[in-house]
């Protein structure tokens, strides 16, 4: 039963990540903890493996369609990688229930941000200068810290940062976001020493299904309005975040 759940949940996470360039990863930790019974700290490490490899697969798919801005992604990701190490250090100091409560707050913020950016494609700013301006660097640092702290990819922050700060079109922002997610996840995982003690019987099938879902999600993104996908996922985030907040607050109390 656990194997089936891991496969189904992996497909869900990968599909959202591939279609939106972010967002799906933020569900990985609560699903690992509350559905598959993982420890909160181990779940954040496992999430980095799942999210990182899924982002690599998603990047490859978008790259074939010319939707990855490699220079911008590498710079953005390299800046975030430094902050990811700091986030990992803080992760080790926090009570697991407090960590999950903070995660619930992050989900609420992410959902709000995704709803605000769920605009029709024609309203997306046209391609402009692609230099990583100060706003983009600050966003990269913030995303990296969140990646290390919570084991999330940060794509829900990266995509709007690329669109608004760097004036990148949405399809390119989605593809480039996955590259940044992959870099940040690798840096965070390295800071944790590779994530010892993980339940590989759960992590491996979850990751394999997520990779397959990411490739399929890239195809879905070509056929459905991004705004529709974003709004639907934001509602899901609010629902899951509320459940996580109640559960973790009760455990702390």
C-alpha atoms as a PDB file:
ATOM      1  CA  UNK A   1       0.000   0.000   0.000  1.00  0.00           C
ATOM      2  CA  UNK A   2       2.857   2.385   0.847  1.00  0.00           C
ATOM      3  CA  UNK A   3       4.429   1.753  -2.560  1.00  0.00           C
ATOM      4  CA  UNK A   4       1.169   2.552  -4.362  1.00  0.00           C
ATOM      5  CA  UNK A   5       0.749   5.756  -2.350  1.00  0.00           C
ATOM      6  CA  UNK A   6       4.333   6.797  -3.102  1.00  0.00           C
ATOM      7  CA  UNK A   7       3.777   6.285  -6.826  1.00  0.00           C
ATOM      8  CA  UNK A   8       0.465   8.173  -6.914  1.00  0.00           C
ATOM      9  CA  UNK A   9       1.754  11.071  -4.828  1.00  0.00           C
ATOM     10  CA  UNK A  10       4.950  11.227  -6.866  1.00  0.00           C
ATOM     11  CA  UNK A  11       2.962  11.580 -10.083  1.00  0.00           C
ATOM     12  CA  UNK A  12       0.944  14.404  -8.518  1.00  0.00           C
ATOM     13  CA  UNK A  13       4.004  16.312  -7.306  1.00  0.00           C
ATOM     14  CA  UNK A  14       5.897  15.846 -10.566  1.00  0.00           C
ATOM     15  CA  UNK A  15       2.928  16.852 -12.674  1.00  0.00           C
ATOM     16  CA  UNK A  16       2.451  20.139 -10.840  1.00  0.00           C
ATOM     17  CA  UNK A  17       6.187  20.892 -10.824  1.00  0.00           C
ATOM     18  CA  UNK A  18       6.480  20.214 -14.546  1.00  0.00           C
ATOM     19  CA  UNK A  19       3.423  22.249 -15.448  1.00  0.00           C
ATOM     20  CA  UNK A  20       4.009  25.294 -13.220  1.00  0.00           C
ATOM     21  CA  UNK A  21       7.785  25.321 -12.699  1.00  0.00           C
ATOM     22  CA  UNK A  22       7.194  25.222  -8.951  1.00  0.00           C
ATOM     23  CA  UNK A  23       4.524  24.699  -6.347  1.00  0.00           C
ATOM     24  CA  UNK A  24       4.388  20.899  -6.388  1.00  0.00           C
ATOM     25  CA  UNK A  25       7.490  20.619  -4.245  1.00  0.00           C
ATOM     26  CA  UNK A  26       5.851  22.452  -1.357  1.00  0.00           C
ATOM     27  CA  UNK A  27       3.393  19.560  -0.993  1.00  0.00           C
ATOM     28  CA  UNK A  28       6.132  16.923  -0.841  1.00  0.00           C
ATOM     29  CA  UNK A  29       7.078  17.393   2.824  1.00  0.00           C
ATOM     30  CA  UNK A  30       3.522  17.311   4.279  1.00  0.00           C
ATOM     31  CA  UNK A  31       2.670  14.293   2.111  1.00  0.00           C
ATOM     32  CA  UNK A  32       5.779  12.453   3.285  1.00  0.00           C
ATOM     33  CA  UNK A  33       5.030  13.302   6.927  1.00  0.00           C
ATOM     34  CA  UNK A  34       1.248  12.935   7.192  1.00  0.00           C
ATOM     35  CA  UNK A  35       0.474  10.368   4.481  1.00  0.00           C
ATOM     36  CA  UNK A  36       3.623   8.226   4.364  1.00  0.00           C
ATOM     37  CA  UNK A  37       4.590   8.559   8.037  1.00  0.00           C
ATOM     38  CA  UNK A  38       8.064  10.087   7.674  1.00  0.00           C
ATOM     39  CA  UNK A  39       9.821  12.101  10.392  1.00  0.00           C
ATOM     40  CA  UNK A  40       9.626  15.851   9.648  1.00  0.00           C
ATOM     41  CA  UNK A  41      13.391  16.360   9.459  1.00  0.00           C
ATOM     42  CA  UNK A  42      13.949  13.227   7.360  1.00  0.00           C
ATOM     43  CA  UNK A  43      11.076  14.311   5.092  1.00  0.00           C
ATOM     44  CA  UNK A  44      12.757  17.630   4.307  1.00  0.00           C
ATOM     45  CA  UNK A  45      15.917  15.758   3.278  1.00  0.00           C
ATOM     46  CA  UNK A  46      13.961  13.234   1.196  1.00  0.00           C
ATOM     47  CA  UNK A  47      12.082  16.101  -0.435  1.00  0.00           C
ATOM     48  CA  UNK A  48      15.356  17.566  -1.685  1.00  0.00           C
ATOM     49  CA  UNK A  49      16.169  14.340  -3.527  1.00  0.00           C
ATOM     50  CA  UNK A  50      12.679  14.011  -4.974  1.00  0.00           C
ATOM     51  CA  UNK A  51      12.381  17.656  -5.934  1.00  0.00           C
ATOM     52  CA  UNK A  52      15.943  17.972  -7.243  1.00  0.00           C
ATOM     53  CA  UNK A  53      15.823  14.978  -9.568  1.00  0.00           C
ATOM     54  CA  UNK A  54      12.319  15.863 -10.725  1.00  0.00           C
ATOM     55  CA  UNK A  55      13.484  19.397 -11.523  1.00  0.00           C
ATOM     56  CA  UNK A  56      16.398  18.012 -13.553  1.00  0.00           C
ATOM     57  CA  UNK A  57      13.969  15.940 -15.638  1.00  0.00           C
ATOM     58  CA  UNK A  58      11.619  18.892 -16.027  1.00  0.00           C
ATOM     59  CA  UNK A  59      14.487  21.176 -17.065  1.00  0.00           C
ATOM     60  CA  UNK A  60      15.493  18.725 -19.778  1.00  0.00           C
ATOM     61  CA  UNK A  61      11.965  18.661 -21.168  1.00  0.00           C
ATOM     62  CA  UNK A  62      11.645  22.452 -21.235  1.00  0.00           C
ATOM     63  CA  UNK A  63      15.164  22.829 -22.656  1.00  0.00           C
ATOM     64  CA  UNK A  64      14.204  20.768 -25.702  1.00  0.00           C
ATOM     65  CA  UNK A  65      11.459  23.317 -26.364  1.00  0.00           C
ATOM     66  CA  UNK A  66      13.877  26.253 -25.867  1.00  0.00           C
ATOM     67  CA  UNK A  67      12.240  27.460 -22.657  1.00  0.00           C
ATOM     68  CA  UNK A  68      15.327  27.547 -20.371  1.00  0.00           C
ATOM     69  CA  UNK A  69      17.509  30.667 -19.962  1.00  0.00           C
ATOM     70  CA  UNK A  70      20.702  28.929 -18.855  1.00  0.00           C
ATOM     71  CA  UNK A  71      22.808  31.948 -17.894  1.00  0.00           C
ATOM     72  CA  UNK A  72      20.127  33.521 -15.736  1.00  0.00           C
ATOM     73  CA  UNK A  73      19.237  30.189 -14.133  1.00  0.00           C
ATOM     74  CA  UNK A  74      22.829  29.355 -13.201  1.00  0.00           C
ATOM     75  CA  UNK A  75      23.474  32.784 -11.647  1.00  0.00           C
ATOM     76  CA  UNK A  76      20.142  32.790  -9.792  1.00  0.00           C
ATOM     77  CA  UNK A  77      20.717  29.238  -8.570  1.00  0.00           C
ATOM     78  CA  UNK A  78      24.337  29.858  -7.525  1.00  0.00           C
ATOM     79  CA  UNK A  79      23.296  32.803  -5.361  1.00  0.00           C
ATOM     80  CA  UNK A  80      20.555  30.699  -3.794  1.00  0.00           C
ATOM     81  CA  UNK A  81      22.910  27.780  -3.155  1.00  0.00           C
ATOM     82  CA  UNK A  82      24.881  29.861  -0.644  1.00  0.00           C
ATOM     83  CA  UNK A  83      21.719  30.778   1.263  1.00  0.00           C
ATOM     84  CA  UNK A  84      20.544  27.152   1.106  1.00  0.00           C
ATOM     85  CA  UNK A  85      23.464  26.118   3.311  1.00  0.00           C
ATOM     86  CA  UNK A  86      22.377  28.685   5.934  1.00  0.00           C
ATOM     87  CA  UNK A  87      18.790  27.426   5.762  1.00  0.00           C
ATOM     88  CA  UNK A  88      19.987  23.866   6.316  1.00  0.00           C
ATOM     89  CA  UNK A  89      21.862  24.937   9.467  1.00  0.00           C
ATOM     90  CA  UNK A  90      18.701  26.554  10.876  1.00  0.00           C
ATOM     91  CA  UNK A  91      16.666  23.419  10.029  1.00  0.00           C
ATOM     92  CA  UNK A  92      18.816  21.385  12.431  1.00  0.00           C
ATOM     93  CA  UNK A  93      18.015  23.724  15.323  1.00  0.00           C
ATOM     94  CA  UNK A  94      14.214  23.750  15.087  1.00  0.00           C
ATOM     95  CA  UNK A  95      11.643  21.559  16.829  1.00  0.00           C
ATOM     96  CA  UNK A  96      10.035  19.317  14.132  1.00  0.00           C
ATOM     97  CA  UNK A  97       6.503  20.460  15.040  1.00  0.00           C
ATOM     98  CA  UNK A  98       7.565  24.104  14.930  1.00  0.00           C
ATOM     99  CA  UNK A  99       9.177  23.379  11.565  1.00  0.00           C
ATOM    100  CA  UNK A 100       5.876  22.031  10.224  1.00  0.00           C
ATOM    101  CA  UNK A 101       3.947  25.010  11.621  1.00  0.00           C
ATOM    102  CA  UNK A 102       6.315  27.347   9.825  1.00  0.00           C
ATOM    103  CA  UNK A 103       5.854  25.223   6.731  1.00  0.00           C
ATOM    104  CA  UNK A 104       2.072  25.700   6.960  1.00  0.00           C
ATOM    105  CA  UNK A 105       2.550  29.481   7.074  1.00  0.00           C
ATOM    106  CA  UNK A 106       4.815  29.253   4.028  1.00  0.00           C
ATOM    107  CA  UNK A 107       2.115  27.296   2.167  1.00  0.00           C
ATOM    108  CA  UNK A 108      -0.391  30.063   2.875  1.00  0.00           C
ATOM    109  CA  UNK A 109       2.008  32.722   1.604  1.00  0.00           C
ATOM    110  CA  UNK A 110       2.773  30.628  -1.476  1.00  0.00           C
ATOM    111  CA  UNK A 111      -0.913  30.115  -2.261  1.00  0.00           C
ATOM    112  CA  UNK A 112      -1.592  33.839  -1.951  1.00  0.00           C
ATOM    113  CA  UNK A 113       1.324  34.667  -4.231  1.00  0.00           C
ATOM    114  CA  UNK A 114       0.222  32.117  -6.805  1.00  0.00           C
ATOM    115  CA  UNK A 115      -3.317  33.524  -6.839  1.00  0.00           C
ATOM    116  CA  UNK A 116      -1.965  37.036  -7.324  1.00  0.00           C
ATOM    117  CA  UNK A 117       0.173  36.009 -10.285  1.00  0.00           C
ATOM    118  CA  UNK A 118      -2.525  33.894 -11.958  1.00  0.00           C
ATOM    119  CA  UNK A 119      -2.932  36.360 -14.824  1.00  0.00           C
ATOM    120  CA  UNK A 120      -3.705  35.573 -18.459  1.00  0.00           C
ATOM    121  CA  UNK A 121      -0.639  34.818 -20.575  1.00  0.00           C
ATOM    122  CA  UNK A 122      -1.080  37.887 -22.705  1.00  0.00           C
ATOM    123  CA  UNK A 123      -0.521  40.087 -19.625  1.00  0.00           C
ATOM    124  CA  UNK A 124       2.911  38.573 -18.984  1.00  0.00           C
ATOM    125  CA  UNK A 125       5.656  41.162 -19.565  1.00  0.00           C
ATOM    126  CA  UNK A 126       7.558  40.785 -22.821  1.00  0.00           C
ATOM    127  CA  UNK A 127      11.161  39.590 -22.812  1.00  0.00           C
ATOM    128  CA  UNK A 128      13.433  42.341 -21.609  1.00  0.00           C
ATOM    129  CA  UNK A 129      16.929  42.614 -20.097  1.00  0.00           C
ATOM    130  CA  UNK A 130      17.947  39.283 -18.607  1.00  0.00           C
ATOM    131  CA  UNK A 131      20.653  40.468 -16.242  1.00  0.00           C
ATOM    132  CA  UNK A 132      20.118  39.366 -12.660  1.00  0.00           C
ATOM    133  CA  UNK A 133      19.220  42.720 -11.145  1.00  0.00           C
ATOM    134  CA  UNK A 134      19.387  43.348  -7.370  1.00  0.00           C
ATOM    135  CA  UNK A 135      15.756  42.310  -6.943  1.00  0.00           C
ATOM    136  CA  UNK A 136      16.490  39.008  -8.628  1.00  0.00           C
ATOM    137  CA  UNK A 137      19.548  38.420  -6.438  1.00  0.00           C
ATOM    138  CA  UNK A 138      17.544  39.073  -3.267  1.00  0.00           C
ATOM    139  CA  UNK A 139      14.833  36.701  -4.481  1.00  0.00           C
ATOM    140  CA  UNK A 140      17.505  34.087  -5.203  1.00  0.00           C
ATOM    141  CA  UNK A 141      18.873  34.382  -1.652  1.00  0.00           C
ATOM    142  CA  UNK A 142      15.393  34.050  -0.172  1.00  0.00           C
ATOM    143  CA  UNK A 143      14.541  31.038  -2.297  1.00  0.00           C
ATOM    144  CA  UNK A 144      17.806  29.335  -1.404  1.00  0.00           C
ATOM    145  CA  UNK A 145      17.229  29.831   2.317  1.00  0.00           C
ATOM    146  CA  UNK A 146      13.712  28.370   2.080  1.00  0.00           C
ATOM    147  CA  UNK A 147      15.072  25.404   0.139  1.00  0.00           C
ATOM    148  CA  UNK A 148      17.573  24.600   2.879  1.00  0.00           C
ATOM    149  CA  UNK A 149      15.136  25.239   5.725  1.00  0.00           C
ATOM    150  CA  UNK A 150      12.049  23.412   4.488  1.00  0.00           C
ATOM    151  CA  UNK A 151      13.270  21.161   1.679  1.00  0.00           C
ATOM    152  CA  UNK A 152      11.141  22.970  -0.911  1.00  0.00           C
ATOM    153  CA  UNK A 153      12.268  23.983  -4.362  1.00  0.00           C
ATOM    154  CA  UNK A 154      11.011  27.548  -4.114  1.00  0.00           C
ATOM    155  CA  UNK A 155       9.595  27.625  -7.622  1.00  0.00           C
ATOM    156  CA  UNK A 156       6.502  29.460  -6.397  1.00  0.00           C
ATOM    157  CA  UNK A 157       8.833  32.386  -5.623  1.00  0.00           C
ATOM    158  CA  UNK A 158      11.267  31.906  -8.521  1.00  0.00           C
ATOM    159  CA  UNK A 159       8.686  32.080 -11.312  1.00  0.00           C
ATOM    160  CA  UNK A 160       7.155  35.452 -10.350  1.00  0.00           C
ATOM    161  CA  UNK A 161      10.654  36.809  -9.603  1.00  0.00           C
ATOM    162  CA  UNK A 162      11.822  35.885 -13.101  1.00  0.00           C
ATOM    163  CA  UNK A 163       8.686  37.345 -14.673  1.00  0.00           C
ATOM    164  CA  UNK A 164       8.539  40.583 -12.686  1.00  0.00           C
ATOM    165  CA  UNK A 165      12.176  41.335 -11.810  1.00  0.00           C
ATOM    166  CA  UNK A 166      13.808  40.005 -14.981  1.00  0.00           C
ATOM    167  CA  UNK A 167      10.865  40.555 -17.388  1.00  0.00           C
ATOM    168  CA  UNK A 168      10.924  36.979 -18.636  1.00  0.00           C
ATOM    169  CA  UNK A 169       7.949  35.429 -20.423  1.00  0.00           C
ATOM    170  CA  UNK A 170       6.012  32.852 -18.416  1.00  0.00           C
ATOM    171  CA  UNK A 171       7.029  29.745 -20.449  1.00  0.00           C
ATOM    172  CA  UNK A 172      10.718  30.661 -20.145  1.00  0.00           C
ATOM    173  CA  UNK A 173      10.277  31.468 -16.449  1.00  0.00           C
ATOM    174  CA  UNK A 174       8.780  28.034 -15.816  1.00  0.00           C
ATOM    175  CA  UNK A 175      11.641  26.228 -17.559  1.00  0.00           C
ATOM    176  CA  UNK A 176      14.351  28.388 -15.963  1.00  0.00           C
ATOM    177  CA  UNK A 177      12.745  27.987 -12.540  1.00  0.00           C
ATOM    178  CA  UNK A 178      13.264  24.222 -12.705  1.00  0.00           C
ATOM    179  CA  UNK A 179      16.988  24.734 -13.340  1.00  0.00           C
ATOM    180  CA  UNK A 180      17.230  26.970 -10.262  1.00  0.00           C
ATOM    181  CA  UNK A 181      15.271  24.442  -8.174  1.00  0.00           C
ATOM    182  CA  UNK A 182      17.697  21.684  -9.206  1.00  0.00           C
ATOM    183  CA  UNK A 183      20.754  23.765  -8.237  1.00  0.00           C
ATOM    184  CA  UNK A 184      19.313  24.818  -4.858  1.00  0.00           C
ATOM    185  CA  UNK A 185      18.196  21.284  -4.010  1.00  0.00           C
ATOM    186  CA  UNK A 186      21.642  19.876  -4.787  1.00  0.00           C
ATOM    187  CA  UNK A 187      23.324  22.497  -2.575  1.00  0.00           C
ATOM    188  CA  UNK A 188      20.961  21.836   0.336  1.00  0.00           C
ATOM    189  CA  UNK A 189      21.369  18.078   0.048  1.00  0.00           C
ATOM    190  CA  UNK A 190      25.153  18.409   0.013  1.00  0.00           C
ATOM    191  CA  UNK A 191      24.973  20.546   3.170  1.00  0.00           C
ATOM    192  CA  UNK A 192      23.025  17.746   4.869  1.00  0.00           C
ATOM    193  CA  UNK A 193      25.661  15.174   3.974  1.00  0.00           C
ATOM    194  CA  UNK A 194      23.470  13.429   1.390  1.00  0.00           C
ATOM    195  CA  UNK A 195      20.536  12.728   3.692  1.00  0.00           C
ATOM    196  CA  UNK A 196      21.601   9.635   5.706  1.00  0.00           C
ATOM    197  CA  UNK A 197      18.949   7.403   7.232  1.00  0.00           C
ATOM    198  CA  UNK A 198      16.319   7.934   4.541  1.00  0.00           C
ATOM    199  CA  UNK A 199      13.618   5.366   3.784  1.00  0.00           C
ATOM    200  CA  UNK A 200      14.719   4.526   0.248  1.00  0.00           C
ATOM    201  CA  UNK A 201      11.795   2.127  -0.222  1.00  0.00           C
ATOM    202  CA  UNK A 202       9.611   5.245  -0.223  1.00  0.00           C
ATOM    203  CA  UNK A 203      12.008   7.817  -1.702  1.00  0.00           C
ATOM    204  CA  UNK A 204      13.002   5.899  -4.844  1.00  0.00           C
ATOM    205  CA  UNK A 205       9.499   5.034  -6.175  1.00  0.00           C
ATOM    206  CA  UNK A 206       8.247   8.486  -5.187  1.00  0.00           C
ATOM    207  CA  UNK A 207      11.110  10.083  -7.140  1.00  0.00           C
ATOM    208  CA  UNK A 208      10.652   7.847 -10.193  1.00  0.00           C
ATOM    209  CA  UNK A 209       6.936   8.655 -10.339  1.00  0.00           C
ATOM    210  CA  UNK A 210       7.629  12.373  -9.830  1.00  0.00           C
ATOM    211  CA  UNK A 211      10.095  12.408 -12.732  1.00  0.00           C
ATOM    212  CA  UNK A 212       7.497  10.770 -14.985  1.00  0.00           C
ATOM    213  CA  UNK A 213       4.900  13.262 -13.757  1.00  0.00           C
ATOM    214  CA  UNK A 214       7.202  16.215 -14.478  1.00  0.00           C
ATOM    215  CA  UNK A 215       7.644  15.138 -18.088  1.00  0.00           C
ATOM    216  CA  UNK A 216       3.882  14.741 -18.457  1.00  0.00           C
ATOM    217  CA  UNK A 217       3.284  18.057 -16.685  1.00  0.00           C
ATOM    218  CA  UNK A 218       5.433  19.847 -19.248  1.00  0.00           C
ATOM    219  CA  UNK A 219       3.122  18.557 -21.962  1.00  0.00           C
ATOM    220  CA  UNK A 220       0.031  19.618 -19.994  1.00  0.00           C
ATOM    221  CA  UNK A 221       1.461  23.131 -19.637  1.00  0.00           C
ATOM    222  CA  UNK A 222       1.424  23.442 -23.413  1.00  0.00           C
ATOM    223  CA  UNK A 223      -2.317  22.687 -23.611  1.00  0.00           C
ATOM    224  CA  UNK A 224      -3.995  24.266 -20.557  1.00  0.00           C
ATOM    225  CA  UNK A 225      -4.042  27.930 -19.451  1.00  0.00           C
ATOM    226  CA  UNK A 226      -1.342  28.562 -16.852  1.00  0.00           C
ATOM    227  CA  UNK A 227      -3.717  30.805 -14.887  1.00  0.00           C
ATOM    228  CA  UNK A 228      -6.236  27.977 -14.494  1.00  0.00           C
ATOM    229  CA  UNK A 229      -3.578  25.535 -13.283  1.00  0.00           C
ATOM    230  CA  UNK A 230      -2.152  28.094 -10.878  1.00  0.00           C
ATOM    231  CA  UNK A 231      -5.496  28.972  -9.277  1.00  0.00           C
ATOM    232  CA  UNK A 232      -6.472  25.327  -8.828  1.00  0.00           C
ATOM    233  CA  UNK A 233      -3.182  24.483  -7.183  1.00  0.00           C
ATOM    234  CA  UNK A 234      -3.303  27.555  -4.913  1.00  0.00           C
ATOM    235  CA  UNK A 235      -6.654  26.389  -3.535  1.00  0.00           C
ATOM    236  CA  UNK A 236      -5.155  22.951  -2.862  1.00  0.00           C
ATOM    237  CA  UNK A 237      -2.209  24.576  -1.059  1.00  0.00           C
ATOM    238  CA  UNK A 238      -4.551  26.542   1.212  1.00  0.00           C
ATOM    239  CA  UNK A 239      -6.473  23.396   2.132  1.00  0.00           C
ATOM    240  CA  UNK A 240      -3.374  21.320   2.886  1.00  0.00           C
ATOM    241  CA  UNK A 241      -1.670  24.198   4.693  1.00  0.00           C
ATOM    242  CA  UNK A 242      -4.672  24.592   6.967  1.00  0.00           C
ATOM    243  CA  UNK A 243      -4.586  20.908   7.908  1.00  0.00           C
ATOM    244  CA  UNK A 244      -0.831  21.030   8.588  1.00  0.00           C
ATOM    245  CA  UNK A 245      -1.218  24.158  10.729  1.00  0.00           C
ATOM    246  CA  UNK A 246      -3.920  22.592  12.895  1.00  0.00           C
ATOM    247  CA  UNK A 247      -2.012  19.337  13.349  1.00  0.00           C
ATOM    248  CA  UNK A 248       1.362  20.922  14.177  1.00  0.00           C
ATOM    249  CA  UNK A 249      -0.171  23.558  16.472  1.00  0.00           C
ATOM    250  CA  UNK A 250      -1.991  20.822  18.405  1.00  0.00           C
ATOM    251  CA  UNK A 251       1.277  18.879  18.773  1.00  0.00           C
ATOM    252  CA  UNK A 252       3.068  21.967  20.090  1.00  0.00           C
ATOM    253  CA  UNK A 253       0.237  22.680  22.520  1.00  0.00           C
END
